[in-house]
Protein backbone atom coordinates (compact mmCIF):
# COMPACT_ATOMS: atom_id res chain seq x y z
CA MET A 1 160.11 141.92 192.97
CA TYR A 2 160.22 138.62 194.76
CA GLY A 3 162.49 136.67 197.05
CA PHE A 4 162.76 134.67 200.21
CA THR A 5 164.60 134.45 203.53
CA LEU A 6 165.63 131.40 205.48
CA GLY A 7 167.35 131.11 208.82
CA GLY A 8 167.66 128.99 211.90
CA PRO A 9 169.97 127.03 214.15
CA ILE A 10 172.63 124.67 212.84
CA LYS A 11 173.68 123.63 216.35
CA LYS A 12 171.26 124.52 219.17
CA ASN A 13 172.34 127.65 221.09
CA LYS A 14 175.74 127.64 219.28
CA THR A 15 175.58 128.05 215.50
CA PHE A 16 172.98 129.91 213.46
CA PHE A 17 172.58 130.68 209.78
CA PHE A 18 170.61 133.21 207.77
CA GLY A 19 170.21 133.66 204.03
CA ASP A 20 168.12 135.69 201.66
CA TYR A 21 167.55 136.07 197.94
CA GLN A 22 165.86 138.92 196.07
CA GLN A 23 165.07 139.39 192.38
CA ILE A 24 163.84 142.64 190.83
CA ASN A 25 162.62 142.68 187.22
CA ASP A 26 161.85 146.21 186.08
CA ARG A 27 160.42 147.09 182.67
CA ARG A 28 159.84 150.72 181.78
CA GLY A 29 158.17 151.72 178.55
CA ASP A 30 159.19 155.07 177.07
CA VAL A 31 157.74 157.09 174.21
CA PHE A 32 160.15 159.40 172.39
CA LEU A 33 159.42 162.13 169.87
CA ALA A 34 162.19 163.30 167.53
CA THR A 35 162.80 165.01 164.23
CA VAL A 36 164.22 162.98 161.33
CA PRO A 37 164.79 163.95 157.68
CA THR A 38 161.83 163.45 155.39
CA PRO A 39 162.23 161.27 152.27
CA ALA A 40 162.43 164.46 150.18
CA PHE A 41 165.20 165.90 152.40
CA ARG A 42 167.11 162.61 152.19
CA SER A 43 167.12 162.85 148.40
CA GLY A 44 168.31 166.48 148.42
CA ASP A 45 164.93 168.17 147.86
CA LEU A 46 164.94 170.87 150.55
CA SER A 47 162.25 172.99 148.85
CA ALA A 48 159.96 172.61 151.91
CA SER A 49 162.60 174.29 154.10
CA ALA A 50 162.39 177.99 154.90
CA THR A 51 166.21 178.08 154.88
CA THR A 52 167.96 179.04 151.65
CA ILE A 53 170.49 176.42 150.52
CA TYR A 54 173.69 177.67 148.88
CA ASP A 55 176.13 175.72 146.75
CA PRO A 56 179.36 175.48 148.78
CA ASN A 57 181.39 175.05 145.55
CA THR A 58 180.56 178.60 144.42
CA GLY A 59 181.61 182.06 145.59
CA ALA A 60 184.57 183.16 147.68
CA ALA A 61 186.05 181.35 150.68
CA THR A 62 184.47 184.03 152.88
CA GLY A 63 181.01 182.92 151.71
CA THR A 64 180.32 185.95 149.55
CA ASP A 65 178.91 185.50 146.05
CA ARG A 66 177.68 181.97 146.71
CA GLN A 67 175.03 180.72 144.30
CA LEU A 68 171.71 179.21 145.38
CA PHE A 69 170.85 175.63 144.60
CA ALA A 70 167.98 175.93 142.11
CA GLY A 71 164.66 175.36 143.87
CA ASN A 72 166.52 174.55 147.11
CA GLN A 73 167.37 171.15 145.63
CA ILE A 74 170.78 169.56 145.91
CA PRO A 75 171.57 167.39 142.85
CA ALA A 76 171.77 163.68 143.70
CA ASN A 77 175.36 163.45 142.44
CA ARG A 78 176.38 166.13 144.99
CA ILE A 79 175.17 164.20 148.05
CA SER A 80 178.04 162.47 149.80
CA PRO A 81 177.94 158.65 149.69
CA ILE A 82 178.90 158.68 153.38
CA ALA A 83 175.92 160.92 154.20
CA GLN A 84 173.67 158.59 152.18
CA ARG A 85 174.88 155.56 154.16
CA ILE A 86 174.32 157.35 157.47
CA LEU A 87 170.83 158.45 156.39
CA ALA A 88 170.02 154.85 155.45
CA LEU A 89 170.52 153.91 159.11
CA VAL A 90 168.08 156.52 160.40
CA LEU A 91 164.48 155.34 160.45
CA PRO A 92 161.98 157.24 158.25
CA PRO A 93 159.38 159.61 159.73
CA THR A 94 156.33 158.07 161.37
CA SER A 95 154.17 161.18 160.91
CA PRO A 96 153.98 164.06 158.42
CA GLY A 97 155.77 167.36 158.83
CA LEU A 98 159.31 168.65 159.01
CA GLN A 99 159.62 168.69 162.81
CA THR A 100 158.73 166.22 165.55
CA ASN A 101 157.85 163.73 162.85
CA PHE A 102 159.17 160.54 164.45
CA GLN A 103 157.80 158.56 167.39
CA GLU A 104 159.36 155.41 168.79
CA ASN A 105 158.45 153.29 171.78
CA THR A 106 161.25 151.56 173.66
CA VAL A 107 161.40 149.35 176.74
CA ARG A 108 164.20 149.63 179.27
CA VAL A 109 165.00 146.34 181.00
CA LYS A 110 166.60 146.45 184.45
CA ASP A 111 167.12 143.16 186.29
CA THR A 112 168.83 142.89 189.68
CA SER A 113 169.42 139.75 191.71
CA SER A 114 171.07 139.62 195.12
CA PHE A 115 171.67 137.30 198.01
CA ASP A 116 173.26 137.27 201.48
CA ILE A 117 174.55 134.39 203.58
CA LYS A 118 175.45 134.78 207.25
CA VAL A 119 176.66 132.32 209.88
CA ASP A 120 177.07 133.11 213.60
CA HIS A 121 178.78 130.85 216.11
CA GLN A 122 179.01 131.32 219.88
CA PHE A 123 182.02 129.59 221.49
CA THR A 124 181.33 130.98 224.99
CA ASP A 125 179.22 133.78 226.46
CA SER A 126 181.98 136.27 225.59
CA ASP A 127 183.52 134.65 222.46
CA ARG A 128 181.60 134.79 219.19
CA ILE A 129 182.31 134.84 215.48
CA SER A 130 180.15 136.01 212.62
CA THR A 131 180.78 135.77 208.89
CA ARG A 132 178.78 137.17 205.98
CA TYR A 133 178.96 137.14 202.17
CA SER A 134 176.79 139.29 199.90
CA LEU A 135 176.45 139.44 196.11
CA GLN A 136 174.43 141.69 193.80
CA ARG A 137 174.29 141.36 190.02
CA SER A 138 172.54 144.03 187.90
CA ALA A 139 171.93 144.22 184.16
CA ILE A 140 170.38 147.21 182.38
CA ALA A 141 169.48 147.29 178.67
CA ASP A 142 168.03 150.41 177.08
CA PRO A 143 167.60 150.18 173.30
CA PRO A 144 168.71 153.14 171.17
CA LEU A 145 166.00 155.29 169.65
CA PHE A 146 167.23 154.90 166.05
CA GLY A 147 168.21 151.23 166.06
CA LEU A 148 171.67 150.72 164.53
CA ALA A 149 172.10 154.48 164.08
CA GLY A 150 172.27 155.06 167.82
CA GLY A 151 170.64 156.86 170.69
CA GLY A 152 168.94 159.86 169.16
CA GLY A 153 168.97 162.12 172.21
CA LYS A 154 168.28 159.54 174.89
CA SER A 155 170.29 160.10 178.04
CA PHE A 156 171.34 156.43 178.05
CA ALA A 157 171.22 153.83 175.33
CA GLY A 158 173.09 150.59 175.62
CA THR A 159 173.72 147.72 177.98
CA GLY A 160 175.38 147.88 181.36
CA ARG A 161 176.29 145.15 183.79
CA GLN A 162 177.51 145.39 187.36
CA LEU A 163 178.67 142.81 189.86
CA ALA A 164 179.12 143.80 193.51
CA GLN A 165 180.44 141.39 196.14
CA ASN A 166 181.49 141.88 199.74
CA GLY A 167 182.12 139.87 202.82
CA ALA A 168 182.88 140.37 206.47
CA ILE A 169 184.18 138.46 209.48
CA ASN A 170 183.63 139.77 212.99
């Protein structure tokens, strides 16, 4: 955070000015842990899972008499091309295991700049005028956890900008 202020008389005992500027540059590093599909899971090999995988194309509509996928493995030709494209966007695990196997470090960038300008003028002891203008501009960028695939459980991922202006005359 840095800035400056400047003020003083324009016309002695009549007109005065004041101005300030402030800049805040905030960088926050975050470490996130998540669970992503292993390479085996991405290819349909779910044999490491404790969950039994059934073939949805078998049995009755109620789910009875469904057949198991042999060895808990889904044949490659049965994996949706859309699912494959989505999985290609998700980064691979960074550590072994089926759960909490992905760690990513991100940096949130938050920059805010602001300034104020004020001028006061005294016509007589009982007649005065004051005018002020203020501006603040903020920009926040928080990268998504999974790159192009999106946020991955972060409360905020994206870019936001805000411009606030106001003025007054008294």
